[in-house]
């Protein structure tokens, strides 16, 4: 699983994977890495994050945790990072998909007390919080409104299985995952007016015992917003996924994104967990402003 979700990534740097051993026995590890440049064509080392920190069961030693997190920070700092995060979040989201979190990487999960506590001890501040929501498709009933009925006549619904990545970074993040991209196309202009992308959340969903799809992208053309496009597109996509055996759909969004939260709740999604994003700059001060870190949807 680590080979699939970490080691095989084209941009994996072994120097960012730091292990702690005692008498040849692995006690824990920390993994640090970077995000893309603005065009998604290469790594940008000015902003980095600690993707994950884990200890062997029975070795819950605060000093060891702090040492590993410190080593991660030093690697990022020596590589050129001026702002350091803890927790993966878009665009710092290229590792551990399917192994940590659900629909995307949601920062540091609420349940991950190990890393959360270490961040607070080492002077990080919480810079963002992520809401994780799920919809039980057995109970899902798409809303039927006048706008939705109009859209069904005015648009065409299309699916693309395993779409081609738009740039190098998208290929690094999603290229190995099984994805479905759904689009609404205006019949008159043949123009794409809305897009929704899902992926098969593996191997996590196998551990849960529930076939789960993750919604990681939802975009509506500005000229078509507030006309029911998102509701119609997501509902049609869920209807199709349900016929294929998907039982649950998961999505995440920033808790400050009230329109997105309101939309998901309106179609039956409920909050099931939260993630936290921690930040400090390379000198340990906390005055840096938050770059464009998002939960995609």
Protein backbone atom coordinates (compact mmCIF):
# COMPACT_ATOMS: atom_id res chain seq x y z
CA UNK A 1 0.00 0.00 0.00
CA UNK A 2 2.86 2.38 0.77
CA UNK A 3 4.40 1.56 -2.61
CA UNK A 4 1.12 2.48 -4.30
CA UNK A 5 0.31 5.62 -2.28
CA UNK A 6 3.79 6.98 -1.56
CA UNK A 7 6.96 5.38 -2.92
CA UNK A 8 5.85 5.04 -6.55
CA UNK A 9 4.96 8.73 -6.92
CA UNK A 10 7.21 10.44 -9.46
CA UNK A 11 8.09 13.27 -7.07
CA UNK A 12 8.77 11.12 -3.97
CA UNK A 13 12.05 12.16 -2.30
CA UNK A 14 13.45 9.53 0.04
CA UNK A 15 15.23 12.25 2.04
CA UNK A 16 11.83 13.51 3.16
CA UNK A 17 10.91 10.13 4.70
CA UNK A 18 12.68 10.08 8.06
CA UNK A 19 12.62 7.05 10.37
CA UNK A 20 13.42 6.52 14.04
CA UNK A 21 15.05 3.24 15.05
CA UNK A 22 16.31 1.63 18.25
CA UNK A 23 18.68 -1.34 18.01
CA UNK A 24 17.60 -1.85 14.41
CA UNK A 25 13.89 -1.78 15.23
CA UNK A 26 11.66 0.79 13.53
CA UNK A 27 9.89 2.93 16.13
CA UNK A 28 8.24 5.50 13.87
CA UNK A 29 8.49 7.70 10.83
CA UNK A 30 7.65 11.16 9.55
CA UNK A 31 7.12 12.13 5.92
CA UNK A 32 7.64 15.67 4.60
CA UNK A 33 7.02 16.96 1.09
CA UNK A 34 6.03 19.84 -1.15
CA UNK A 35 3.33 21.04 -3.49
CA UNK A 36 3.30 22.21 -7.13
CA UNK A 37 4.10 25.49 -8.81
CA UNK A 38 1.22 27.60 -10.12
CA UNK A 39 1.08 25.80 -13.46
CA UNK A 40 1.30 22.29 -12.00
CA UNK A 41 4.41 21.49 -14.03
CA UNK A 42 6.99 21.08 -11.26
CA UNK A 43 7.54 21.08 -7.49
CA UNK A 44 7.58 24.40 -5.62
CA UNK A 45 9.73 24.07 -2.51
CA UNK A 46 8.77 27.39 -0.94
CA UNK A 47 5.81 25.75 0.81
CA UNK A 48 6.00 22.31 2.41
CA UNK A 49 4.14 20.11 4.85
CA UNK A 50 4.50 17.15 7.18
CA UNK A 51 2.19 14.67 5.45
CA UNK A 52 2.15 12.04 8.17
CA UNK A 53 3.80 11.07 11.46
CA UNK A 54 3.30 7.62 12.95
CA UNK A 55 4.76 5.58 15.83
CA UNK A 56 4.85 1.87 16.48
CA UNK A 57 2.20 0.82 19.00
CA UNK A 58 3.56 1.01 22.53
CA UNK A 59 6.12 3.77 21.77
CA UNK A 60 3.96 6.83 22.43
CA UNK A 61 6.87 9.00 23.56
CA UNK A 62 6.35 12.79 23.26
CA UNK A 63 10.09 13.36 22.95
CA UNK A 64 10.28 10.96 20.01
CA UNK A 65 7.26 12.59 18.34
CA UNK A 66 8.77 16.05 18.76
CA UNK A 67 12.12 14.85 17.42
CA UNK A 68 10.50 13.40 14.31
CA UNK A 69 8.43 16.53 13.67
CA UNK A 70 11.55 18.65 14.19
CA UNK A 71 13.43 16.53 11.66
CA UNK A 72 10.60 17.03 9.17
CA UNK A 73 10.72 20.78 9.67
CA UNK A 74 14.50 20.82 9.21
CA UNK A 75 14.24 18.89 5.94
CA UNK A 76 11.60 21.31 4.63
CA UNK A 77 13.53 24.36 5.82
CA UNK A 78 16.84 23.19 4.35
CA UNK A 79 15.08 22.52 1.03
CA UNK A 80 13.86 26.13 0.81
CA UNK A 81 10.46 26.15 2.52
CA UNK A 82 9.48 29.54 3.97
CA UNK A 83 6.06 28.39 5.17
CA UNK A 84 5.63 25.00 6.82
CA UNK A 85 2.36 23.13 7.34
CA UNK A 86 1.33 19.98 9.13
CA UNK A 87 -1.32 17.89 7.42
CA UNK A 88 -1.96 17.33 3.74
CA UNK A 89 -4.51 19.56 2.04
CA UNK A 90 -4.87 20.68 -1.57
CA UNK A 91 -2.43 21.44 -3.17
CA UNK A 92 -0.23 19.62 -0.63
CA UNK A 93 -2.23 16.45 -1.15
CA UNK A 94 -0.26 14.08 -3.33
CA UNK A 95 0.53 11.29 -0.83
CA UNK A 96 -1.56 8.81 1.22
CA UNK A 97 -4.78 9.07 -0.79
CA UNK A 98 -6.79 6.01 0.17
CA UNK A 99 -4.70 5.42 3.29
CA UNK A 100 -5.47 8.56 5.33
CA UNK A 101 -8.68 10.57 5.24
CA UNK A 102 -11.45 9.81 2.79
CA UNK A 103 -12.52 11.80 -0.27
CA UNK A 104 -9.27 13.79 -0.10
CA UNK A 105 -6.52 14.44 2.40
CA UNK A 106 -8.20 16.62 5.07
CA UNK A 107 -5.21 18.00 6.98
CA UNK A 108 -4.74 16.33 10.38
CA UNK A 109 -7.79 14.29 11.35
CA UNK A 110 -9.56 15.13 14.58
CA UNK A 111 -8.72 11.64 15.83
CA UNK A 112 -4.97 12.01 15.14
CA UNK A 113 -4.11 13.29 18.61
CA UNK A 114 -0.45 12.31 18.19
CA UNK A 115 0.32 14.83 15.44
CA UNK A 116 -2.17 17.47 16.62
CA UNK A 117 -0.58 17.64 20.07
CA UNK A 118 2.94 17.74 18.65
CA UNK A 119 2.03 20.66 16.38
CA UNK A 120 0.68 22.68 19.30
CA UNK A 121 3.79 21.95 21.39
CA UNK A 122 6.06 23.12 18.59
CA UNK A 123 4.35 26.45 17.98
CA UNK A 124 2.06 25.72 15.04
CA UNK A 125 -1.28 27.49 14.81
CA UNK A 126 -4.45 26.11 13.30
CA UNK A 127 -4.90 27.93 10.01
CA UNK A 128 -7.91 26.09 8.59
CA UNK A 129 -10.49 23.47 9.44
CA UNK A 130 -12.07 20.98 7.07
CA UNK A 131 -15.57 19.51 7.29
CA UNK A 132 -15.89 15.89 6.14
CA UNK A 133 -19.37 14.90 5.02
CA UNK A 134 -21.00 11.67 3.85
CA UNK A 135 -24.21 10.68 2.12
CA UNK A 136 -25.84 7.28 2.57
CA UNK A 137 -27.02 6.47 -0.95
CA UNK A 138 -29.69 4.09 0.32
CA UNK A 139 -31.46 7.13 1.74
CA UNK A 140 -30.45 9.57 -0.99
CA UNK A 141 -33.40 11.22 -2.71
CA UNK A 142 -32.38 13.86 -5.26
CA UNK A 143 -34.44 17.02 -5.02
CA UNK A 144 -36.85 17.62 -7.88
CA UNK A 145 -37.43 21.30 -8.64
CA UNK A 146 -38.51 23.34 -11.59
CA UNK A 147 -34.89 24.34 -12.26
CA UNK A 148 -33.75 20.74 -12.21
CA UNK A 149 -36.49 19.70 -14.64
CA UNK A 150 -35.51 22.53 -16.98
CA UNK A 151 -31.85 21.49 -16.85
CA UNK A 152 -32.73 17.91 -17.75
CA UNK A 153 -34.19 19.25 -21.00
CA UNK A 154 -31.52 21.86 -21.73
CA UNK A 155 -28.37 19.84 -20.99
CA UNK A 156 -26.60 16.58 -21.79
CA UNK A 157 -25.07 14.40 -19.06
CA UNK A 158 -21.75 12.75 -19.97
CA UNK A 159 -19.27 10.48 -18.16
CA UNK A 160 -15.55 10.01 -18.78
CA UNK A 161 -13.84 7.05 -17.10
CA UNK A 162 -10.22 7.65 -16.03
CA UNK A 163 -9.91 11.08 -17.72
CA UNK A 164 -6.52 12.28 -18.92
CA UNK A 165 -4.76 14.48 -16.35
CA UNK A 166 -4.60 18.16 -17.23
CA UNK A 167 -1.00 18.61 -16.00
CA UNK A 168 1.93 16.84 -14.36
CA UNK A 169 0.79 17.51 -10.79
CA UNK A 170 -2.73 16.22 -11.39
CA UNK A 171 -1.16 13.04 -12.75
CA UNK A 172 1.01 12.77 -9.62
CA UNK A 173 -2.00 13.13 -7.33
CA UNK A 174 -4.76 11.28 -9.18
CA UNK A 175 -3.17 9.36 -12.03
CA UNK A 176 -3.07 6.02 -10.20
CA UNK A 177 -6.66 6.27 -8.90
CA UNK A 178 -9.80 5.00 -10.61
CA UNK A 179 -11.77 8.14 -11.42
CA UNK A 180 -15.04 9.12 -13.07
CA UNK A 181 -15.63 12.62 -14.40
CA UNK A 182 -19.21 13.71 -15.03
CA UNK A 183 -20.12 16.78 -17.05
CA UNK A 184 -23.20 18.79 -17.89
CA UNK A 185 -23.14 20.17 -21.42
CA UNK A 186 -25.44 22.85 -22.73
CA UNK A 187 -27.21 21.35 -25.76
CA UNK A 188 -27.48 24.70 -27.53
CA UNK A 189 -23.83 25.81 -27.32
CA UNK A 190 -22.21 22.39 -26.72
CA UNK A 191 -20.39 24.07 -23.83
CA UNK A 192 -19.41 22.35 -20.58
CA UNK A 193 -21.25 24.15 -17.80
CA UNK A 194 -20.53 21.91 -14.80
CA UNK A 195 -18.06 19.18 -13.81
CA UNK A 196 -18.00 16.69 -10.94
CA UNK A 197 -15.22 14.15 -10.36
CA UNK A 198 -15.34 11.05 -8.16
CA UNK A 199 -12.83 8.34 -7.28
CA UNK A 200 -13.02 4.87 -5.81
CA UNK A 201 -11.82 5.32 -2.21
CA UNK A 202 -9.50 2.35 -1.93
CA UNK A 203 -8.22 0.67 0.16
CA UNK A 204 -10.03 2.59 2.92
CA UNK A 205 -13.51 1.65 1.74
CA UNK A 206 -12.52 -2.03 1.77
CA UNK A 207 -11.52 -1.62 5.44
CA UNK A 208 -14.82 0.12 6.17
CA UNK A 209 -16.72 -2.68 4.45
CA UNK A 210 -18.70 -0.09 2.47
CA UNK A 211 -18.25 0.67 -1.23
CA UNK A 212 -17.42 4.39 -1.12
CA UNK A 213 -16.84 7.04 -3.77
CA UNK A 214 -15.08 10.32 -3.03
CA UNK A 215 -16.26 13.56 -4.64
CA UNK A 216 -13.12 15.66 -5.05
CA UNK A 217 -14.03 18.22 -7.70
CA UNK A 218 -17.18 20.20 -8.33
CA UNK A 219 -17.16 23.22 -10.60
CA UNK A 220 -19.96 25.22 -12.20
CA UNK A 221 -19.49 27.85 -14.90
CA UNK A 222 -20.05 31.27 -13.27
CA UNK A 223 -22.75 32.12 -15.82
CA UNK A 224 -24.73 29.02 -14.81
CA UNK A 225 -24.51 29.26 -11.04
CA UNK A 226 -27.63 29.34 -8.85
CA UNK A 227 -29.60 27.55 -11.56
CA UNK A 228 -29.50 24.09 -10.01
CA UNK A 229 -26.57 22.78 -12.09
CA UNK A 230 -24.62 21.37 -9.14
CA UNK A 231 -27.72 19.71 -7.70
CA UNK A 232 -28.68 18.14 -11.01
CA UNK A 233 -25.15 16.99 -11.90
CA UNK A 234 -24.32 15.49 -8.50
CA UNK A 235 -27.73 13.83 -8.30
CA UNK A 236 -27.35 12.21 -11.73
CA UNK A 237 -23.81 11.07 -10.90
CA UNK A 238 -24.92 9.57 -7.58
CA UNK A 239 -27.85 7.85 -9.27
CA UNK A 240 -25.41 6.16 -11.68
CA UNK A 241 -22.87 5.28 -8.98
CA UNK A 242 -25.60 3.78 -6.81
CA UNK A 243 -26.62 1.45 -9.64
CA UNK A 244 -23.00 0.27 -9.75
CA UNK A 245 -23.01 -0.70 -6.08
CA UNK A 246 -21.65 2.42 -4.39
CA UNK A 247 -23.23 2.77 -0.94
CA UNK A 248 -21.65 5.98 0.36
CA UNK A 249 -20.30 9.20 -1.12
CA UNK A 250 -17.86 11.30 0.88
CA UNK A 251 -16.82 14.90 0.29
CA UNK A 252 -14.87 17.55 2.17
CA UNK A 253 -14.84 21.34 2.17
CA UNK A 254 -13.46 24.15 4.30
CA UNK A 255 -15.76 25.02 7.19
CA UNK A 256 -15.54 28.65 6.09
CA UNK A 257 -17.13 27.72 2.74
CA UNK A 258 -20.72 28.22 3.87
CA UNK A 259 -22.25 28.00 0.36
CA UNK A 260 -20.65 24.59 -0.19
CA UNK A 261 -21.71 23.32 3.23
CA UNK A 262 -25.26 24.55 2.67
CA UNK A 263 -25.37 22.86 -0.73
CA UNK A 264 -24.18 19.47 0.53
CA UNK A 265 -26.53 19.53 3.50
CA UNK A 266 -29.42 20.43 1.20
CA UNK A 267 -28.92 17.21 -0.79
CA UNK A 268 -28.58 14.97 2.25
CA UNK A 269 -24.90 15.01 3.25
CA UNK A 270 -24.10 15.04 6.98
CA UNK A 271 -20.87 15.93 8.76
CA UNK A 272 -19.00 12.89 10.10
CA UNK A 273 -15.53 14.20 10.98
CA UNK A 274 -13.19 17.18 10.83
CA UNK A 275 -9.62 17.84 9.75
CA UNK A 276 -7.24 20.54 10.93
CA UNK A 277 -4.47 22.32 9.02
CA UNK A 278 -1.57 23.68 11.08
CA UNK A 279 0.95 26.30 9.95
CA UNK A 280 4.11 28.13 10.90
CA UNK A 281 6.81 29.78 8.84
CA UNK A 282 10.37 28.53 8.57
CA UNK A 283 11.64 30.65 11.45
CA UNK A 284 8.89 29.46 13.79
CA UNK A 285 6.89 32.70 13.67
CA UNK A 286 3.21 32.51 12.77
CA UNK A 287 2.53 35.67 10.82
CA UNK A 288 2.49 34.20 7.34
CA UNK A 289 -0.76 34.48 5.46
CA UNK A 290 -2.56 31.36 4.29
CA UNK A 291 -1.78 30.48 0.66
CA UNK A 292 -4.36 28.93 -1.66
CA UNK A 293 -4.95 25.74 0.32
CA UNK A 294 -8.39 24.35 -0.36
CA UNK A 295 -10.54 21.29 0.02
CA UNK A 296 -11.20 21.40 -3.73
CA UNK A 297 -14.99 21.50 -3.61
